[in-house]
Amino acid sequence: MPSQMTKATLAAAGLSSASNVLAQFLEAYRESRPFAFDVASFLRFVTVAFITAPPNYMWQQLLERTFPAYERRAATGGDVEKQNASGEDAAPDRTPKLNLRNTAAKWFIDCITLGAVFNTVAFFLLMGIMKRQSPDQIAANVRNETVPVIVAGYKIWPFASIISFSCVPVEKRIVFLNFVGLLWGIYMSLVASRV
């Protein structure tokens, strides 16, 4: 049985594959030319997914361990105000309660700061290496493209992250984010074709 990380990585690669093919179709349509499948572009994009999905999975696990989204409400522990009419502790509420502070912290760290920067720089670095670009060209891509890509990402990722952190189990989070990333992947495939 494959591990959760393996499943998430395969799902990420599958969604990245679909994103790249859709982006190639979109690019051909925009340029009014017949579609011609670019195998090299496809393989580069999918390889980036295979390389970045495991660290992203571990990153999500770390965020969840550090800032758990849900906390169990504690049993009453003899609190008189929480006892029922017979004087016994009422059944403790087992409904998980969303920890808004932890969810906001995860959102800020993942989406607004570290996660966004790491993933964007990793994308340009890996894509540049696979395209056999010079270190100067890779550095220029990182310098010139990182901020515009992150700003574009702010239109989708903050909302996806809030939903992910508050509603999606941690072991399925990378799959959910990669599903949202299907559309983002189309955009990133188009970016990859121009850098």
N, C-alpha and C. Protein backbone atom coordinates (compact mmCIF):
# COMPACT_ATOMS: atom_id res chain seq x y z
N MET A 1 0.84 -1.18 0.00
CA MET A 1 0.00 0.00 0.00
C MET A 1 0.89 1.25 0.00
N PRO A 2 0.71 2.12 -0.97
CA PRO A 2 1.55 3.32 -1.01
C PRO A 2 1.25 4.27 0.16
N SER A 3 2.27 5.02 0.55
CA SER A 3 2.11 5.98 1.65
C SER A 3 1.24 7.15 1.19
N GLN A 4 0.77 7.91 2.17
CA GLN A 4 -0.02 9.10 1.85
C GLN A 4 0.81 10.09 1.01
N MET A 5 2.11 10.19 1.32
CA MET A 5 2.96 11.10 0.54
C MET A 5 3.08 10.64 -0.90
N THR A 6 3.21 9.33 -1.10
CA THR A 6 3.29 8.79 -2.46
C THR A 6 2.01 9.06 -3.22
N LYS A 7 0.87 8.83 -2.57
CA LYS A 7 -0.42 9.11 -3.21
C LYS A 7 -0.55 10.58 -3.57
N ALA A 8 -0.15 11.45 -2.64
CA ALA A 8 -0.23 12.89 -2.89
C ALA A 8 0.69 13.30 -4.04
N THR A 9 1.88 12.71 -4.10
CA THR A 9 2.84 13.02 -5.16
C THR A 9 2.29 12.57 -6.52
N LEU A 10 1.73 11.38 -6.57
CA LEU A 10 1.15 10.89 -7.83
C LEU A 10 -0.04 11.74 -8.26
N ALA A 11 -0.85 12.15 -7.31
CA ALA A 11 -1.98 13.04 -7.63
C ALA A 11 -1.47 14.38 -8.15
N ALA A 12 -0.43 14.92 -7.51
CA ALA A 12 0.14 16.19 -7.95
C ALA A 12 0.69 16.07 -9.37
N ALA A 13 1.37 14.97 -9.65
CA ALA A 13 1.92 14.77 -11.00
C ALA A 13 0.81 14.62 -12.02
N GLY A 14 -0.26 13.91 -11.66
CA GLY A 14 -1.38 13.76 -12.58
C GLY A 14 -2.06 15.09 -12.88
N LEU A 15 -2.28 15.88 -11.85
CA LEU A 15 -2.91 17.18 -12.05
C LEU A 15 -1.97 18.13 -12.81
N SER A 16 -0.68 18.05 -12.55
CA SER A 16 0.27 18.87 -13.29
C SER A 16 0.30 18.46 -14.77
N SER A 17 0.17 17.17 -15.02
CA SER A 17 0.11 16.69 -16.41
C SER A 17 -1.07 17.31 -17.13
N ALA A 18 -2.23 17.25 -16.48
CA ALA A 18 -3.44 17.82 -17.08
C ALA A 18 -3.28 19.32 -17.28
N SER A 19 -2.71 20.01 -16.30
CA SER A 19 -2.50 21.46 -16.41
C SER A 19 -1.63 21.80 -17.61
N ASN A 20 -0.55 21.05 -17.77
CA ASN A 20 0.38 21.35 -18.86
C ASN A 20 -0.26 21.11 -20.22
N VAL A 21 -0.98 20.02 -20.36
CA VAL A 21 -1.64 19.73 -21.64
C VAL A 21 -2.69 20.81 -21.95
N LEU A 22 -3.48 21.19 -20.94
CA LEU A 22 -4.47 22.25 -21.15
C LEU A 22 -3.79 23.57 -21.50
N ALA A 23 -2.67 23.88 -20.85
CA ALA A 23 -1.94 25.11 -21.17
C ALA A 23 -1.41 25.08 -22.60
N GLN A 24 -0.92 23.92 -23.04
CA GLN A 24 -0.43 23.82 -24.41
C GLN A 24 -1.57 24.03 -25.41
N PHE A 25 -2.74 23.47 -25.12
CA PHE A 25 -3.91 23.72 -25.98
C PHE A 25 -4.27 25.19 -26.00
N LEU A 26 -4.30 25.81 -24.82
CA LEU A 26 -4.64 27.23 -24.71
C LEU A 26 -3.64 28.09 -25.47
N GLU A 27 -2.38 27.78 -25.34
CA GLU A 27 -1.34 28.56 -26.03
C GLU A 27 -1.47 28.42 -27.55
N ALA A 28 -1.74 27.22 -28.03
CA ALA A 28 -1.93 27.02 -29.48
C ALA A 28 -3.16 27.79 -29.95
N TYR A 29 -4.22 27.76 -29.19
CA TYR A 29 -5.45 28.48 -29.55
C TYR A 29 -5.19 29.98 -29.59
N ARG A 30 -4.52 30.51 -28.55
CA ARG A 30 -4.22 31.95 -28.49
C ARG A 30 -3.36 32.41 -29.64
N GLU A 31 -2.46 31.55 -30.08
CA GLU A 31 -1.55 31.90 -31.18
C GLU A 31 -2.12 31.49 -32.54
N SER A 32 -3.35 31.02 -32.57
CA SER A 32 -4.02 30.60 -33.81
C SER A 32 -3.16 29.63 -34.62
N ARG A 33 -2.63 28.65 -33.95
CA ARG A 33 -1.84 27.63 -34.63
C ARG A 33 -2.35 26.26 -34.24
N PRO A 34 -2.07 25.25 -35.05
CA PRO A 34 -2.52 23.90 -34.68
C PRO A 34 -1.79 23.41 -33.44
N PHE A 35 -2.49 22.60 -32.67
CA PHE A 35 -1.90 22.05 -31.46
C PHE A 35 -0.82 21.03 -31.83
N ALA A 36 0.33 21.19 -31.21
CA ALA A 36 1.42 20.21 -31.34
C ALA A 36 1.93 19.95 -29.92
N PHE A 37 1.78 18.72 -29.47
CA PHE A 37 2.17 18.37 -28.11
C PHE A 37 3.68 18.51 -27.92
N ASP A 38 4.08 19.33 -26.96
CA ASP A 38 5.49 19.57 -26.65
C ASP A 38 5.89 18.63 -25.51
N VAL A 39 6.49 17.51 -25.87
CA VAL A 39 6.85 16.47 -24.90
C VAL A 39 7.84 17.01 -23.87
N ALA A 40 8.84 17.77 -24.33
CA ALA A 40 9.86 18.28 -23.41
C ALA A 40 9.23 19.19 -22.35
N SER A 41 8.36 20.09 -22.77
CA SER A 41 7.68 20.99 -21.84
C SER A 41 6.85 20.19 -20.83
N PHE A 42 6.14 19.20 -21.34
CA PHE A 42 5.32 18.34 -20.50
C PHE A 42 6.16 17.63 -19.45
N LEU A 43 7.25 17.02 -19.88
CA LEU A 43 8.10 16.27 -18.95
C LEU A 43 8.75 17.17 -17.91
N ARG A 44 9.16 18.37 -18.32
CA ARG A 44 9.74 19.31 -17.35
C ARG A 44 8.70 19.66 -16.28
N PHE A 45 7.51 19.98 -16.71
CA PHE A 45 6.48 20.41 -15.77
C PHE A 45 6.11 19.30 -14.80
N VAL A 46 5.98 18.09 -15.30
CA VAL A 46 5.63 16.95 -14.45
C VAL A 46 6.79 16.62 -13.51
N THR A 47 8.02 16.75 -13.99
CA THR A 47 9.18 16.50 -13.14
C THR A 47 9.22 17.47 -11.97
N VAL A 48 8.90 18.74 -12.22
CA VAL A 48 8.85 19.71 -11.13
C VAL A 48 7.83 19.27 -10.09
N ALA A 49 6.69 18.75 -10.53
CA ALA A 49 5.67 18.27 -9.58
C ALA A 49 6.20 17.10 -8.76
N PHE A 50 6.88 16.15 -9.42
CA PHE A 50 7.43 15.01 -8.68
C PHE A 50 8.48 15.45 -7.66
N ILE A 51 9.25 16.47 -7.98
CA ILE A 51 10.30 16.93 -7.08
C ILE A 51 9.73 17.76 -5.93
N THR A 52 8.75 18.62 -6.22
CA THR A 52 8.26 19.55 -5.20
C THR A 52 7.11 19.01 -4.35
N ALA A 53 6.40 18.00 -4.82
CA ALA A 53 5.26 17.50 -4.03
C ALA A 53 5.68 16.90 -2.68
N PRO A 54 6.71 16.04 -2.61
CA PRO A 54 7.06 15.50 -1.28
C PRO A 54 7.46 16.57 -0.25
N PRO A 55 8.32 17.56 -0.61
CA PRO A 55 8.60 18.60 0.40
C PRO A 55 7.35 19.40 0.77
N ASN A 56 6.45 19.63 -0.20
CA ASN A 56 5.22 20.34 0.11
C ASN A 56 4.32 19.52 1.04
N TYR A 57 4.29 18.22 0.83
CA TYR A 57 3.51 17.34 1.71
C TYR A 57 4.07 17.42 3.13
N MET A 58 5.39 17.32 3.26
CA MET A 58 6.01 17.40 4.58
C MET A 58 5.80 18.77 5.22
N TRP A 59 5.83 19.81 4.39
CA TRP A 59 5.58 21.18 4.86
C TRP A 59 4.17 21.28 5.45
N GLN A 60 3.17 20.71 4.75
CA GLN A 60 1.80 20.73 5.27
C GLN A 60 1.69 19.96 6.58
N GLN A 61 2.40 18.84 6.67
CA GLN A 61 2.40 18.07 7.92
C GLN A 61 3.01 18.89 9.06
N LEU A 62 4.12 19.56 8.78
CA LEU A 62 4.77 20.39 9.80
C LEU A 62 3.85 21.52 10.25
N LEU A 63 3.21 22.18 9.30
CA LEU A 63 2.29 23.26 9.66
C LEU A 63 1.15 22.74 10.53
N GLU A 64 0.62 21.57 10.19
CA GLU A 64 -0.50 21.01 10.97
C GLU A 64 -0.05 20.59 12.37
N ARG A 65 1.15 20.02 12.49
CA ARG A 65 1.66 19.64 13.82
C ARG A 65 1.92 20.89 14.68
N THR A 66 2.44 21.93 14.04
CA THR A 66 2.79 23.14 14.76
C THR A 66 1.56 23.98 15.11
N PHE A 67 0.62 24.04 14.17
CA PHE A 67 -0.59 24.84 14.34
C PHE A 67 -1.82 23.99 14.01
N PRO A 68 -2.22 23.08 14.92
CA PRO A 68 -3.36 22.21 14.61
C PRO A 68 -4.63 23.01 14.31
N ALA A 69 -5.32 22.63 13.25
CA ALA A 69 -6.53 23.35 12.84
C ALA A 69 -7.68 23.14 13.81
N TYR A 70 -7.76 21.95 14.37
CA TYR A 70 -8.89 21.64 15.25
C TYR A 70 -8.38 21.20 16.61
N GLU A 71 -9.16 21.55 17.62
CA GLU A 71 -8.86 21.10 18.96
C GLU A 71 -10.11 20.47 19.54
N ARG A 72 -9.91 19.46 20.32
CA ARG A 72 -11.04 18.83 21.00
C ARG A 72 -11.37 19.66 22.23
N ARG A 73 -12.65 19.83 22.46
CA ARG A 73 -13.05 20.51 23.69
C ARG A 73 -12.82 19.56 24.85
N ALA A 74 -12.30 20.08 25.91
CA ALA A 74 -11.97 19.26 27.07
C ALA A 74 -13.24 18.82 27.80
N ALA A 75 -13.13 17.69 28.50
CA ALA A 75 -14.22 17.25 29.36
C ALA A 75 -14.40 18.27 30.48
N THR A 76 -15.55 18.26 31.09
CA THR A 76 -15.86 19.28 32.09
C THR A 76 -14.98 19.20 33.33
N GLY A 77 -14.52 18.01 33.68
CA GLY A 77 -13.60 17.87 34.81
C GLY A 77 -14.19 18.34 36.13
N GLY A 78 -15.48 18.13 36.33
CA GLY A 78 -16.08 18.47 37.61
C GLY A 78 -16.56 19.91 37.70
N ASP A 79 -16.53 20.66 36.68
CA ASP A 79 -17.00 22.03 36.68
C ASP A 79 -18.50 22.02 36.99
N VAL A 80 -18.87 22.64 38.07
CA VAL A 80 -20.26 22.61 38.53
C VAL A 80 -21.20 23.17 37.47
N GLU A 81 -20.83 24.23 36.82
CA GLU A 81 -21.71 24.84 35.83
C GLU A 81 -21.92 23.94 34.62
N LYS A 82 -21.05 22.95 34.43
CA LYS A 82 -21.14 22.07 33.27
C LYS A 82 -21.83 20.74 33.62
N GLN A 83 -22.31 20.59 34.85
CA GLN A 83 -22.93 19.34 35.26
C GLN A 83 -24.41 19.34 34.89
N ASN A 84 -24.94 18.13 34.68
CA ASN A 84 -26.36 18.03 34.37
C ASN A 84 -27.17 18.03 35.68
N ALA A 85 -28.46 17.88 35.57
CA ALA A 85 -29.36 17.99 36.73
C ALA A 85 -29.07 16.96 37.81
N SER A 86 -28.54 15.80 37.45
CA SER A 86 -28.28 14.76 38.45
C SER A 86 -26.95 14.96 39.17
N GLY A 87 -26.21 16.02 38.82
CA GLY A 87 -24.95 16.28 39.48
C GLY A 87 -23.76 15.61 38.83
N GLU A 88 -24.00 14.83 37.77
CA GLU A 88 -22.90 14.18 37.06
C GLU A 88 -22.41 15.08 35.93
N ASP A 89 -21.15 14.86 35.53
CA ASP A 89 -20.64 15.61 34.38
C ASP A 89 -21.48 15.32 33.16
N ALA A 90 -21.87 16.35 32.46
CA ALA A 90 -22.58 16.17 31.20
C ALA A 90 -21.61 15.56 30.20
N ALA A 91 -22.13 14.87 29.22
CA ALA A 91 -21.26 14.27 28.19
C ALA A 91 -20.44 15.36 27.54
N PRO A 92 -19.11 15.17 27.46
CA PRO A 92 -18.28 16.20 26.85
C PRO A 92 -18.61 16.36 25.37
N ASP A 93 -18.51 17.58 24.91
CA ASP A 93 -18.77 17.89 23.50
C ASP A 93 -17.59 17.38 22.68
N ARG A 94 -17.83 16.47 21.78
CA ARG A 94 -16.77 15.87 20.96
C ARG A 94 -16.67 16.53 19.59
N THR A 95 -17.45 17.57 19.37
CA THR A 95 -17.39 18.25 18.08
C THR A 95 -16.07 19.02 17.99
N PRO A 96 -15.29 18.76 16.95
CA PRO A 96 -14.03 19.50 16.84
C PRO A 96 -14.30 21.00 16.65
N LYS A 97 -13.48 21.79 17.27
CA LYS A 97 -13.62 23.24 17.19
C LYS A 97 -12.46 23.80 16.38
N LEU A 98 -12.76 24.59 15.36
CA LEU A 98 -11.73 25.20 14.52
C LEU A 98 -10.95 26.22 15.34
N ASN A 99 -9.63 26.09 15.34
CA ASN A 99 -8.76 27.04 16.02
C ASN A 99 -8.42 28.14 15.01
N LEU A 100 -9.11 29.25 15.11
CA LEU A 100 -8.94 30.35 14.14
C LEU A 100 -7.54 30.94 14.18
N ARG A 101 -6.97 31.03 15.36
CA ARG A 101 -5.61 31.60 15.49
C ARG A 101 -4.60 30.73 14.74
N ASN A 102 -4.67 29.40 14.95
CA ASN A 102 -3.75 28.50 14.26
C ASN A 102 -3.99 28.50 12.75
N THR A 103 -5.24 28.55 12.35
CA THR A 103 -5.57 28.58 10.92
C THR A 103 -5.00 29.84 10.28
N ALA A 104 -5.15 30.97 10.95
CA ALA A 104 -4.60 32.23 10.42
C ALA A 104 -3.07 32.18 10.36
N ALA A 105 -2.45 31.60 11.38
CA ALA A 105 -0.99 31.49 11.38
C ALA A 105 -0.50 30.64 10.21
N LYS A 106 -1.15 29.49 10.01
CA LYS A 106 -0.77 28.62 8.89
C LYS A 106 -0.97 29.33 7.56
N TRP A 107 -2.09 30.01 7.43
CA TRP A 107 -2.39 30.73 6.19
C TRP A 107 -1.29 31.77 5.91
N PHE A 108 -0.94 32.54 6.92
CA PHE A 108 0.07 33.58 6.73
C PHE A 108 1.43 32.98 6.37
N ILE A 109 1.84 31.97 7.11
CA ILE A 109 3.16 31.37 6.87
C ILE A 109 3.22 30.67 5.52
N ASP A 110 2.17 29.94 5.18
CA ASP A 110 2.18 29.15 3.95
C ASP A 110 1.90 30.00 2.72
N CYS A 111 0.89 30.81 2.80
CA CYS A 111 0.39 31.47 1.59
C CYS A 111 1.02 32.84 1.36
N ILE A 112 1.25 33.57 2.40
CA ILE A 112 1.70 34.95 2.25
C ILE A 112 3.23 35.05 2.29
N THR A 113 3.89 34.16 3.02
CA THR A 113 5.34 34.31 3.16
C THR A 113 6.10 33.10 2.63
N LEU A 114 6.51 32.22 3.52
CA LEU A 114 7.45 31.15 3.18
C LEU A 114 6.99 30.22 2.07
N GLY A 115 5.79 29.71 2.16
CA GLY A 115 5.31 28.76 1.16
C GLY A 115 5.31 29.33 -0.24
N ALA A 116 4.80 30.54 -0.37
CA ALA A 116 4.73 31.18 -1.69
C ALA A 116 6.12 31.43 -2.27
N VAL A 117 7.01 31.94 -1.45
CA VAL A 117 8.36 32.25 -1.92
C VAL A 117 9.11 30.96 -2.28
N PHE A 118 9.08 29.98 -1.38
CA PHE A 118 9.79 28.72 -1.62
C PHE A 118 9.32 28.06 -2.91
N ASN A 119 8.01 27.91 -3.07
CA ASN A 119 7.49 27.21 -4.24
C ASN A 119 7.78 27.95 -5.54
N THR A 120 7.70 29.26 -5.52
CA THR A 120 7.95 30.03 -6.73
C THR A 120 9.42 29.98 -7.12
N VAL A 121 10.30 30.18 -6.16
CA VAL A 121 11.74 30.13 -6.45
C VAL A 121 12.14 28.72 -6.88
N ALA A 122 11.61 27.70 -6.21
CA ALA A 122 11.91 26.31 -6.59
C ALA A 122 11.46 26.04 -8.02
N PHE A 123 10.31 26.55 -8.39
CA PHE A 123 9.80 26.36 -9.75
C PHE A 123 10.77 26.95 -10.78
N PHE A 124 11.19 28.21 -10.59
CA PHE A 124 12.08 28.84 -11.56
C PHE A 124 13.46 28.19 -11.56
N LEU A 125 13.93 27.79 -10.41
CA LEU A 125 15.23 27.13 -10.32
C LEU A 125 15.20 25.78 -11.05
N LEU A 126 14.23 24.95 -10.72
CA LEU A 126 14.14 23.63 -11.36
C LEU A 126 13.86 23.73 -12.85
N MET A 127 12.97 24.63 -13.22
CA MET A 127 12.65 24.80 -14.64
C MET A 127 13.89 25.28 -15.40
N GLY A 128 14.63 26.21 -14.82
CA GLY A 128 15.85 26.70 -15.47
C GLY A 128 16.91 25.62 -15.62
N ILE A 129 17.07 24.80 -14.61
CA ILE A 129 18.05 23.70 -14.68
C ILE A 129 17.64 22.73 -15.78
N MET A 130 16.36 22.38 -15.82
CA MET A 130 15.91 21.41 -16.83
C MET A 130 15.94 21.98 -18.25
N LYS A 131 15.85 23.30 -18.36
CA LYS A 131 15.96 23.93 -19.68
C LYS A 131 17.42 24.23 -20.03
N ARG A 132 18.32 23.84 -19.13
CA ARG A 132 19.76 24.08 -19.30
C ARG A 132 20.09 25.57 -19.45
N GLN A 133 19.39 26.38 -18.68
CA GLN A 133 19.67 27.81 -18.69
C GLN A 133 20.90 28.09 -17.84
N SER A 134 21.57 29.18 -18.15
CA SER A 134 22.75 29.57 -17.39
C SER A 134 22.32 30.03 -15.99
N PRO A 135 23.24 29.97 -15.03
CA PRO A 135 22.91 30.48 -13.69
C PRO A 135 22.45 31.94 -13.72
N ASP A 136 23.06 32.74 -14.62
CA ASP A 136 22.63 34.14 -14.73
C ASP A 136 21.19 34.25 -15.21
N GLN A 137 20.80 33.41 -16.17
CA GLN A 137 19.42 33.43 -16.68
C GLN A 137 18.44 32.97 -15.61
N ILE A 138 18.81 31.93 -14.88
CA ILE A 138 17.94 31.44 -13.80
C ILE A 138 17.77 32.54 -12.74
N ALA A 139 18.87 33.18 -12.37
CA ALA A 139 18.81 34.27 -11.38
C ALA A 139 17.93 35.41 -11.90
N ALA A 140 18.04 35.74 -13.18
CA ALA A 140 17.21 36.80 -13.76
C ALA A 140 15.73 36.40 -13.72
N ASN A 141 15.44 35.13 -14.03
CA ASN A 141 14.05 34.67 -13.97
C ASN A 141 13.51 34.77 -12.54
N VAL A 142 14.32 34.35 -11.57
CA VAL A 142 13.89 34.44 -10.18
C VAL A 142 13.66 35.90 -9.80
N ARG A 143 14.61 36.75 -10.16
CA ARG A 143 14.53 38.17 -9.82
C ARG A 143 13.34 38.86 -10.49
N ASN A 144 13.10 38.57 -11.77
CA ASN A 144 12.09 39.30 -12.53
C ASN A 144 10.69 38.69 -12.48
N GLU A 145 10.59 37.41 -12.22
CA GLU A 145 9.29 36.72 -12.30
C GLU A 145 8.68 36.35 -10.96
N THR A 146 9.49 36.25 -9.90
CA THR A 146 8.97 35.77 -8.62
C THR A 146 7.85 36.65 -8.08
N VAL A 147 8.08 37.95 -7.98
CA VAL A 147 7.06 38.84 -7.41
C VAL A 147 5.79 38.85 -8.27
N PRO A 148 5.86 38.98 -9.60
CA PRO A 148 4.62 38.93 -10.37
C PRO A 148 3.84 37.61 -10.21
N VAL A 149 4.55 36.50 -10.13
CA VAL A 149 3.87 35.21 -9.95
C VAL A 149 3.22 35.14 -8.57
N ILE A 150 3.92 35.59 -7.55
CA ILE A 150 3.35 35.57 -6.20
C ILE A 150 2.12 36.49 -6.12
N VAL A 151 2.21 37.66 -6.70
CA VAL A 151 1.06 38.58 -6.71
C VAL A 151 -0.12 37.95 -7.46
N ALA A 152 0.15 37.31 -8.58
CA ALA A 152 -0.93 36.61 -9.30
C ALA A 152 -1.51 35.50 -8.43
N GLY A 153 -0.66 34.82 -7.70
CA GLY A 153 -1.11 33.75 -6.82
C GLY A 153 -2.00 34.23 -5.69
N TYR A 154 -1.83 35.48 -5.27
CA TYR A 154 -2.67 36.02 -4.21
C TYR A 154 -4.13 36.11 -4.63
N LYS A 155 -4.41 35.98 -5.90
CA LYS A 155 -5.80 36.01 -6.38
C LYS A 155 -6.52 34.69 -6.15
N ILE A 156 -5.78 33.61 -5.93
CA ILE A 156 -6.40 32.30 -5.75
C ILE A 156 -5.97 31.60 -4.47
N TRP A 157 -4.68 31.64 -4.12
CA TRP A 157 -4.17 30.81 -3.04
C TRP A 157 -4.63 31.19 -1.64
N PRO A 158 -4.83 32.45 -1.30
CA PRO A 158 -5.33 32.73 0.06
C PRO A 158 -6.67 32.04 0.34
N PHE A 159 -7.56 32.07 -0.64
CA PHE A 159 -8.88 31.44 -0.46
C PHE A 159 -8.76 29.92 -0.41
N ALA A 160 -7.95 29.38 -1.30
CA ALA A 160 -7.75 27.92 -1.31
C ALA A 160 -7.11 27.46 -0.01
N SER A 161 -6.17 28.23 0.51
CA SER A 161 -5.50 27.86 1.76
C SER A 161 -6.45 27.89 2.95
N ILE A 162 -7.29 28.90 3.04
CA ILE A 162 -8.24 28.97 4.15
C ILE A 162 -9.17 27.76 4.12
N ILE A 163 -9.69 27.42 2.94
CA ILE A 163 -10.56 26.25 2.81
C ILE A 163 -9.77 24.99 3.19
N SER A 164 -8.55 24.89 2.69
CA SER A 164 -7.72 23.73 2.96
C SER A 164 -7.45 23.55 4.45
N PHE A 165 -7.02 24.62 5.11
CA PHE A 165 -6.65 24.53 6.51
C PHE A 165 -7.85 24.30 7.42
N SER A 166 -9.02 24.76 7.02
CA SER A 166 -10.17 24.66 7.90
C SER A 166 -11.10 23.49 7.59
N CYS A 167 -11.07 22.95 6.36
CA CYS A 167 -12.05 21.94 5.98
C CYS A 167 -11.46 20.62 5.48
N VAL A 168 -10.21 20.61 5.07
CA VAL A 168 -9.63 19.42 4.43
C VAL A 168 -8.68 18.71 5.40
N PRO A 169 -8.85 17.40 5.59
CA PRO A 169 -7.92 16.67 6.45
C PRO A 169 -6.48 16.81 5.95
N VAL A 170 -5.53 16.87 6.87
CA VAL A 170 -4.14 17.15 6.51
C VAL A 170 -3.60 16.16 5.47
N GLU A 171 -3.99 14.88 5.57
CA GLU A 171 -3.45 13.89 4.63
C GLU A 171 -4.02 14.06 3.22
N LYS A 172 -5.10 14.82 3.07
CA LYS A 172 -5.69 15.06 1.75
C LYS A 172 -5.42 16.48 1.26
N ARG A 173 -4.77 17.28 2.10
CA ARG A 173 -4.59 18.69 1.80
C ARG A 173 -3.79 18.93 0.52
N ILE A 174 -2.70 18.19 0.32
CA ILE A 174 -1.88 18.41 -0.87
C ILE A 174 -2.66 18.06 -2.13
N VAL A 175 -3.53 17.06 -2.05
CA VAL A 175 -4.36 16.69 -3.21
C VAL A 175 -5.37 17.80 -3.49
N PHE A 176 -6.02 18.31 -2.45
CA PHE A 176 -6.96 19.42 -2.64
C PHE A 176 -6.26 20.62 -3.25
N LEU A 177 -5.11 20.97 -2.69
CA LEU A 177 -4.38 22.13 -3.20
C LEU A 177 -3.90 21.90 -4.64
N ASN A 178 -3.57 20.66 -4.97
CA ASN A 178 -3.18 20.38 -6.35
C ASN A 178 -4.39 20.43 -7.29
N PHE A 179 -5.57 20.08 -6.78
CA PHE A 179 -6.76 20.21 -7.61
C PHE A 179 -7.02 21.68 -7.92
N VAL A 180 -6.93 22.53 -6.89
CA VAL A 180 -7.04 23.97 -7.11
C VAL A 180 -5.91 24.40 -8.06
N GLY A 181 -4.76 23.76 -7.86
CA GLY A 181 -3.60 24.07 -8.68
C GLY A 181 -3.72 23.66 -10.13
N LEU A 182 -4.76 22.90 -10.48
CA LEU A 182 -4.97 22.57 -11.89
C LEU A 182 -5.07 23.86 -12.71
N LEU A 183 -5.87 24.78 -12.25
CA LEU A 183 -5.98 26.07 -12.94
C LEU A 183 -4.68 26.88 -12.80
N TRP A 184 -4.13 26.86 -11.60
CA TRP A 184 -2.87 27.57 -11.37
C TRP A 184 -1.76 26.97 -12.25
N GLY A 185 -1.80 25.67 -12.41
CA GLY A 185 -0.80 24.99 -13.24
C GLY A 185 -0.87 25.42 -14.70
N ILE A 186 -2.05 25.69 -15.17
CA ILE A 186 -2.18 26.21 -16.54
C ILE A 186 -1.42 27.54 -16.64
N TYR A 187 -1.67 28.40 -15.68
CA TYR A 187 -0.97 29.68 -15.65
C TYR A 187 0.54 29.48 -15.56
N MET A 188 0.99 28.59 -14.66
CA MET A 188 2.43 28.37 -14.49
C MET A 188 3.05 27.71 -15.72
N SER A 189 2.30 26.87 -16.42
CA SER A 189 2.80 26.30 -17.68
C SER A 189 3.04 27.40 -18.71
N LEU A 190 2.13 28.35 -18.73
CA LEU A 190 2.29 29.49 -19.65
C LEU A 190 3.49 30.33 -19.23
N VAL A 191 3.70 30.50 -17.94
CA VAL A 191 4.89 31.23 -17.45
C VAL A 191 6.15 30.46 -17.84
N ALA A 192 6.13 29.12 -17.65
CA ALA A 192 7.30 28.30 -17.96
C ALA A 192 7.66 28.37 -19.43
N SER A 193 6.67 28.54 -20.27
CA SER A 193 6.97 28.60 -21.70
C SER A 193 7.64 29.91 -22.10
N ARG A 194 7.50 30.94 -21.28
CA ARG A 194 8.10 32.23 -21.65
C ARG A 194 9.42 32.51 -20.95
N VAL A 195 9.76 31.76 -19.89
CA VAL A 195 11.06 32.01 -19.22
C VAL A 195 12.11 31.05 -19.70
